[in-house]
Amino acid sequence: MKIQRALNPEPDIEHLDHMPGPLVTGAQPDIPAGELPGRSTAGNVASDTNTPSHGEAMTTIDPHELAGRYVAAWNEPDAELRRKAIHDLWAEDGAHILQPPQEIRTLAAGLGFTSTTLEAHGHDALQVRVTRAYEEFVESGKFAFTLRDNADRIGNVVKFNWEMVPSGGGEVAGVGLEILVLDERGRIVTDYQFIEG
């Protein structure tokens, strides 16, 4: 017995822009009964133990090590090593999506912008983004980015916080939250960055 999508199996093509999440058409995958609330694993439910679930292909990814490499790339003074770090961290078509600080969002809203999300896609744009942040905050010796000890991972998603701290000591000047979505090789497909303070 296979558990199939019980609702409308054929999507309303005219209203796709109102549907949440990705569109899946055709045969639906089996859902192991143990993953459904209130369902036991007893019965004749299809199971495929050889098919990895989200993140199984990345069991060797250490979220602390990945977060450390990520923060190190933003502090890297050597342009060639920074470029290599970007290529090692992000998938070729990877994206960095930034929600700017509240003051920038407020200013943008006042100018009539409905979206203030900033995005960089692909290695070249990512290199520009990381290099610009390095030049603005780190190169002068005024600040450095440091990693908080809270990296964690669920499947193919890693989250952690970083801080921008004065190089000579003092109060934290900025805090960010990173949520990284990884591909099967453990490289960043999407990097969601939230400036928290």
C-alpha atoms as a PDB file:
ATOM      1  CA  MET A   1       0.000   0.000   0.000  1.00  0.00           C
ATOM      2  CA  LYS A   2       1.420   3.401  -0.918  1.00  0.00           C
ATOM      3  CA  ILE A   3       0.395   6.584   0.783  1.00  0.00           C
ATOM      4  CA  GLN A   4      -0.323   9.086  -1.969  1.00  0.00           C
ATOM      5  CA  ARG A   5      -1.253  12.760  -1.997  1.00  0.00           C
ATOM      6  CA  ALA A   6      -4.912  12.668  -0.934  1.00  0.00           C
ATOM      7  CA  LEU A   7      -5.823  16.138  -2.085  1.00  0.00           C
ATOM      8  CA  ASN A   8      -6.124  17.319  -5.673  1.00  0.00           C
ATOM      9  CA  PRO A   9      -3.454  15.229  -7.462  1.00  0.00           C
ATOM     10  CA  GLU A  10      -3.534  17.476 -10.518  1.00  0.00           C
ATOM     11  CA  PRO A  11      -2.531  21.087  -9.717  1.00  0.00           C
ATOM     12  CA  ASP A  12      -4.582  24.005 -10.985  1.00  0.00           C
ATOM     13  CA  ILE A  13      -2.034  25.307 -13.497  1.00  0.00           C
ATOM     14  CA  GLU A  14      -3.760  28.699 -13.749  1.00  0.00           C
ATOM     15  CA  HIS A  15      -3.183  29.402 -10.057  1.00  0.00           C
ATOM     16  CA  LEU A  16       0.385  28.137  -9.529  1.00  0.00           C
ATOM     17  CA  ASP A  17       1.565  31.502  -8.256  1.00  0.00           C
ATOM     18  CA  HIS A  18      -0.721  31.051  -5.230  1.00  0.00           C
ATOM     19  CA  MET A  19       0.556  27.587  -4.291  1.00  0.00           C
ATOM     20  CA  PRO A  20       3.093  27.354  -1.461  1.00  0.00           C
ATOM     21  CA  GLY A  21       6.254  25.351  -2.004  1.00  0.00           C
ATOM     22  CA  PRO A  22       7.530  23.539  -5.067  1.00  0.00           C
ATOM     23  CA  LEU A  23       5.140  22.022  -7.591  1.00  0.00           C
ATOM     24  CA  VAL A  24       5.323  18.238  -7.732  1.00  0.00           C
ATOM     25  CA  THR A  25       3.548  16.458 -10.553  1.00  0.00           C
ATOM     26  CA  GLY A  26       3.331  12.822 -11.543  1.00  0.00           C
ATOM     27  CA  ALA A  27       3.744   9.899  -9.169  1.00  0.00           C
ATOM     28  CA  GLN A  28       4.230  10.943  -5.571  1.00  0.00           C
ATOM     29  CA  PRO A  29       6.968   9.397  -3.422  1.00  0.00           C
ATOM     30  CA  ASP A  30       6.181   6.835  -0.749  1.00  0.00           C
ATOM     31  CA  ILE A  31       5.948   8.245   2.757  1.00  0.00           C
ATOM     32  CA  PRO A  32       7.102   5.886   5.514  1.00  0.00           C
ATOM     33  CA  ALA A  33       4.259   5.556   8.020  1.00  0.00           C
ATOM     34  CA  GLY A  34       6.611   6.168  10.941  1.00  0.00           C
ATOM     35  CA  GLU A  35       7.098   9.751   9.713  1.00  0.00           C
ATOM     36  CA  LEU A  36       3.395  10.558   9.863  1.00  0.00           C
ATOM     37  CA  PRO A  37       1.877  11.686  13.166  1.00  0.00           C
ATOM     38  CA  GLY A  38      -0.442   9.091  14.624  1.00  0.00           C
ATOM     39  CA  ARG A  39       0.711   6.331  12.259  1.00  0.00           C
ATOM     40  CA  SER A  40       2.532   3.207  13.300  1.00  0.00           C
ATOM     41  CA  THR A  41       5.134   1.490  11.183  1.00  0.00           C
ATOM     42  CA  ALA A  42       2.997  -1.655  11.189  1.00  0.00           C
ATOM     43  CA  GLY A  43       1.182  -2.477   7.998  1.00  0.00           C
ATOM     44  CA  ASN A  44       2.111  -2.704   4.410  1.00  0.00           C
ATOM     45  CA  VAL A  45       3.626   0.773   3.899  1.00  0.00           C
ATOM     46  CA  ALA A  46       6.285   1.090   1.226  1.00  0.00           C
ATOM     47  CA  SER A  47       9.787   1.683   2.490  1.00  0.00           C
ATOM     48  CA  ASP A  48      13.076   2.182   0.721  1.00  0.00           C
ATOM     49  CA  THR A  49      15.986   2.073   3.141  1.00  0.00           C
ATOM     50  CA  ASN A  50      18.505   2.743   0.355  1.00  0.00           C
ATOM     51  CA  THR A  51      17.045   6.150  -0.528  1.00  0.00           C
ATOM     52  CA  PRO A  52      18.694   8.870   1.566  1.00  0.00           C
ATOM     53  CA  SER A  53      16.423  11.349   3.276  1.00  0.00           C
ATOM     54  CA  HIS A  54      17.286  15.032   3.630  1.00  0.00           C
ATOM     55  CA  GLY A  55      20.949  15.319   4.551  1.00  0.00           C
ATOM     56  CA  GLU A  56      21.891  11.647   4.808  1.00  0.00           C
ATOM     57  CA  ALA A  57      24.465  12.043   2.061  1.00  0.00           C
ATOM     58  CA  MET A  58      26.169  14.669   4.236  1.00  0.00           C
ATOM     59  CA  THR A  59      26.593  12.782   7.504  1.00  0.00           C
ATOM     60  CA  THR A  60      30.240  13.857   7.619  1.00  0.00           C
ATOM     61  CA  ILE A  61      29.443  17.589   7.554  1.00  0.00           C
ATOM     62  CA  ASP A  62      30.371  19.137  10.890  1.00  0.00           C
ATOM     63  CA  PRO A  63      28.321  22.322  11.354  1.00  0.00           C
ATOM     64  CA  HIS A  64      31.015  23.912  13.563  1.00  0.00           C
ATOM     65  CA  GLU A  65      33.738  23.264  10.982  1.00  0.00           C
ATOM     66  CA  LEU A  66      31.563  24.574   8.136  1.00  0.00           C
ATOM     67  CA  ALA A  67      30.609  27.702  10.117  1.00  0.00           C
ATOM     68  CA  GLY A  68      34.288  28.274  10.951  1.00  0.00           C
ATOM     69  CA  ARG A  69      35.277  28.105   7.275  1.00  0.00           C
ATOM     70  CA  TYR A  70      32.385  30.404   6.391  1.00  0.00           C
ATOM     71  CA  VAL A  71      33.411  33.123   8.853  1.00  0.00           C
ATOM     72  CA  ALA A  72      37.096  32.726   7.920  1.00  0.00           C
ATOM     73  CA  ALA A  73      36.246  33.516   4.271  1.00  0.00           C
ATOM     74  CA  TRP A  74      34.818  36.925   5.297  1.00  0.00           C
ATOM     75  CA  ASN A  75      38.047  37.694   7.235  1.00  0.00           C
ATOM     76  CA  GLU A  76      40.492  36.396   4.579  1.00  0.00           C
ATOM     77  CA  PRO A  77      42.956  39.140   3.511  1.00  0.00           C
ATOM     78  CA  ASP A  78      44.394  37.255   0.513  1.00  0.00           C
ATOM     79  CA  ALA A  79      42.113  37.737  -2.518  1.00  0.00           C
ATOM     80  CA  GLU A  80      43.073  34.411  -4.129  1.00  0.00           C
ATOM     81  CA  LEU A  81      42.526  32.429  -0.912  1.00  0.00           C
ATOM     82  CA  ARG A  82      39.202  34.242  -0.424  1.00  0.00           C
ATOM     83  CA  ARG A  83      38.177  33.298  -3.995  1.00  0.00           C
ATOM     84  CA  LYS A  84      39.141  29.656  -3.351  1.00  0.00           C
ATOM     85  CA  ALA A  85      37.202  29.639  -0.056  1.00  0.00           C
ATOM     86  CA  ILE A  86      34.105  30.940  -1.864  1.00  0.00           C
ATOM     87  CA  HIS A  87      34.392  28.215  -4.512  1.00  0.00           C
ATOM     88  CA  ASP A  88      34.851  25.568  -1.802  1.00  0.00           C
ATOM     89  CA  LEU A  89      31.962  26.801   0.349  1.00  0.00           C
ATOM     90  CA  TRP A  90      29.251  27.622  -2.213  1.00  0.00           C
ATOM     91  CA  ALA A  91      27.836  25.566  -5.064  1.00  0.00           C
ATOM     92  CA  GLU A  92      28.555  27.130  -8.459  1.00  0.00           C
ATOM     93  CA  ASP A  93      25.049  28.619  -8.639  1.00  0.00           C
ATOM     94  CA  GLY A  94      24.865  29.266  -4.890  1.00  0.00           C
ATOM     95  CA  ALA A  95      23.121  32.333  -3.536  1.00  0.00           C
ATOM     96  CA  HIS A  96      23.650  34.747  -0.643  1.00  0.00           C
ATOM     97  CA  ILE A  97      20.378  36.384   0.357  1.00  0.00           C
ATOM     98  CA  LEU A  98      20.631  39.220   2.855  1.00  0.00           C
ATOM     99  CA  GLN A  99      17.927  40.795   4.942  1.00  0.00           C
ATOM    100  CA  PRO A 100      19.561  44.158   5.723  1.00  0.00           C
ATOM    101  CA  PRO A 101      19.420  45.851   9.127  1.00  0.00           C
ATOM    102  CA  GLN A 102      16.094  47.340  10.200  1.00  0.00           C
ATOM    103  CA  GLU A 103      17.166  50.938   9.542  1.00  0.00           C
ATOM    104  CA  ILE A 104      17.866  50.127   5.877  1.00  0.00           C
ATOM    105  CA  ARG A 105      14.541  48.288   5.536  1.00  0.00           C
ATOM    106  CA  THR A 106      12.728  51.276   7.070  1.00  0.00           C
ATOM    107  CA  LEU A 107      14.422  53.712   4.672  1.00  0.00           C
ATOM    108  CA  ALA A 108      13.633  51.478   1.686  1.00  0.00           C
ATOM    109  CA  ALA A 109       9.990  51.145   2.737  1.00  0.00           C
ATOM    110  CA  GLY A 110       9.805  54.938   2.984  1.00  0.00           C
ATOM    111  CA  LEU A 111      10.962  55.113  -0.628  1.00  0.00           C
ATOM    112  CA  GLY A 112       8.223  52.723  -1.699  1.00  0.00           C
ATOM    113  CA  PHE A 113      10.248  49.504  -1.975  1.00  0.00           C
ATOM    114  CA  THR A 114       8.169  46.477  -1.020  1.00  0.00           C
ATOM    115  CA  SER A 115      11.188  44.165  -0.861  1.00  0.00           C
ATOM    116  CA  THR A 116      14.519  45.052   0.667  1.00  0.00           C
ATOM    117  CA  THR A 117      16.156  41.667   0.214  1.00  0.00           C
ATOM    118  CA  LEU A 118      19.617  41.863  -1.348  1.00  0.00           C
ATOM    119  CA  GLU A 119      20.926  38.904  -3.348  1.00  0.00           C
ATOM    120  CA  ALA A 120      24.174  37.669  -4.892  1.00  0.00           C
ATOM    121  CA  HIS A 121      24.033  34.595  -7.179  1.00  0.00           C
ATOM    122  CA  GLY A 122      26.968  32.560  -8.477  1.00  0.00           C
ATOM    123  CA  HIS A 123      30.666  32.535  -7.590  1.00  0.00           C
ATOM    124  CA  ASP A 124      31.491  35.853  -9.272  1.00  0.00           C
ATOM    125  CA  ALA A 125      28.745  37.790  -7.472  1.00  0.00           C
ATOM    126  CA  LEU A 126      29.535  36.022  -4.200  1.00  0.00           C
ATOM    127  CA  GLN A 127      33.182  37.017  -4.549  1.00  0.00           C
ATOM    128  CA  VAL A 128      32.150  40.650  -5.021  1.00  0.00           C
ATOM    129  CA  ARG A 129      29.847  40.464  -1.976  1.00  0.00           C
ATOM    130  CA  VAL A 130      32.394  38.859   0.370  1.00  0.00           C
ATOM    131  CA  THR A 131      35.231  41.091  -0.878  1.00  0.00           C
ATOM    132  CA  ARG A 132      33.158  44.239  -0.425  1.00  0.00           C
ATOM    133  CA  ALA A 133      32.294  43.266   3.165  1.00  0.00           C
ATOM    134  CA  TYR A 134      35.974  42.509   3.827  1.00  0.00           C
ATOM    135  CA  GLU A 135      37.040  45.903   2.425  1.00  0.00           C
ATOM    136  CA  GLU A 136      34.326  47.774   4.329  1.00  0.00           C
ATOM    137  CA  PHE A 137      34.740  46.192   7.758  1.00  0.00           C
ATOM    138  CA  VAL A 138      37.901  44.088   8.100  1.00  0.00           C
ATOM    139  CA  GLU A 139      40.658  45.425   5.809  1.00  0.00           C
ATOM    140  CA  SER A 140      41.187  48.621   7.834  1.00  0.00           C
ATOM    141  CA  GLY A 141      41.822  46.544  10.938  1.00  0.00           C
ATOM    142  CA  LYS A 142      38.833  48.099  12.659  1.00  0.00           C
ATOM    143  CA  PHE A 143      36.651  44.954  12.884  1.00  0.00           C
ATOM    144  CA  ALA A 144      36.792  41.179  12.590  1.00  0.00           C
ATOM    145  CA  PHE A 145      34.039  38.620  12.205  1.00  0.00           C
ATOM    146  CA  THR A 146      33.909  35.925  14.886  1.00  0.00           C
ATOM    147  CA  LEU A 147      31.799  32.816  15.218  1.00  0.00           C
ATOM    148  CA  ARG A 148      29.504  32.211  18.165  1.00  0.00           C
ATOM    149  CA  ASP A 149      29.629  28.669  19.475  1.00  0.00           C
ATOM    150  CA  ASN A 150      26.082  27.742  18.446  1.00  0.00           C
ATOM    151  CA  ALA A 151      26.379  26.083  15.027  1.00  0.00           C
ATOM    152  CA  ASP A 152      23.830  23.331  14.554  1.00  0.00           C
ATOM    153  CA  ARG A 153      22.478  21.198  11.748  1.00  0.00           C
ATOM    154  CA  ILE A 154      19.309  19.406  10.780  1.00  0.00           C
ATOM    155  CA  GLY A 155      19.660  17.407   7.582  1.00  0.00           C
ATOM    156  CA  ASN A 156      20.913  19.732   4.868  1.00  0.00           C
ATOM    157  CA  VAL A 157      20.398  22.953   6.867  1.00  0.00           C
ATOM    158  CA  VAL A 158      23.065  24.568   9.071  1.00  0.00           C
ATOM    159  CA  LYS A 159      22.457  27.603  11.271  1.00  0.00           C
ATOM    160  CA  PHE A 160      24.801  29.739  13.361  1.00  0.00           C
ATOM    161  CA  ASN A 161      25.428  33.273  14.543  1.00  0.00           C
ATOM    162  CA  TRP A 162      28.469  35.456  13.990  1.00  0.00           C
ATOM    163  CA  GLU A 163      29.544  38.734  15.544  1.00  0.00           C
ATOM    164  CA  MET A 164      31.381  41.740  14.160  1.00  0.00           C
ATOM    165  CA  VAL A 165      33.752  42.801  16.919  1.00  0.00           C
ATOM    166  CA  PRO A 166      36.242  45.668  17.192  1.00  0.00           C
ATOM    167  CA  SER A 167      39.765  44.368  16.532  1.00  0.00           C
ATOM    168  CA  GLY A 168      41.090  46.197  19.589  1.00  0.00           C
ATOM    169  CA  GLY A 169      38.386  44.812  21.858  1.00  0.00           C
ATOM    170  CA  GLY A 170      35.172  46.354  23.033  1.00  0.00           C
ATOM    171  CA  GLU A 171      31.460  45.837  22.546  1.00  0.00           C
ATOM    172  CA  VAL A 172      30.059  43.764  19.712  1.00  0.00           C
ATOM    173  CA  ALA A 173      29.253  46.069  16.784  1.00  0.00           C
ATOM    174  CA  GLY A 174      26.973  43.683  14.870  1.00  0.00           C
ATOM    175  CA  VAL A 175      25.380  40.249  15.007  1.00  0.00           C
ATOM    176  CA  GLY A 176      24.151  38.072  12.172  1.00  0.00           C
ATOM    177  CA  LEU A 177      22.276  34.806  11.813  1.00  0.00           C
ATOM    178  CA  GLU A 178      23.167  32.500   8.931  1.00  0.00           C
ATOM    179  CA  ILE A 179      20.886  29.753   7.689  1.00  0.00           C
ATOM    180  CA  LEU A 180      22.679  27.671   5.074  1.00  0.00           C
ATOM    181  CA  VAL A 181      20.940  25.186   2.805  1.00  0.00           C
ATOM    182  CA  LEU A 182      23.457  22.641   1.504  1.00  0.00           C
ATOM    183  CA  ASP A 183      23.590  20.430  -1.557  1.00  0.00           C
ATOM    184  CA  GLU A 184      24.429  16.713  -1.472  1.00  0.00           C
ATOM    185  CA  ARG A 185      28.159  17.553  -1.519  1.00  0.00           C
ATOM    186  CA  GLY A 186      27.830  19.821   1.521  1.00  0.00           C
ATOM    187  CA  ARG A 187      28.236  23.074  -0.422  1.00  0.00           C
ATOM    188  CA  ILE A 188      25.993  26.074   0.127  1.00  0.00           C
ATOM    189  CA  VAL A 189      23.069  26.330  -2.280  1.00  0.00           C
ATOM    190  CA  THR A 190      21.345  29.156  -0.429  1.00  0.00           C
ATOM    191  CA  ASP A 191      22.785  31.328   2.345  1.00  0.00           C
ATOM    192  CA  TYR A 192      20.126  33.319   4.199  1.00  0.00           C
ATOM    193  CA  GLN A 193      21.716  36.097   6.244  1.00  0.00           C
ATOM    194  CA  PHE A 194      19.768  38.080   8.833  1.00  0.00           C
ATOM    195  CA  ILE A 195      21.410  41.081  10.486  1.00  0.00           C
ATOM    196  CA  GLU A 196      20.158  40.939  14.071  1.00  0.00           C
ATOM    197  CA  GLY A 197      21.955  43.797  15.699  1.00  0.00           C
END
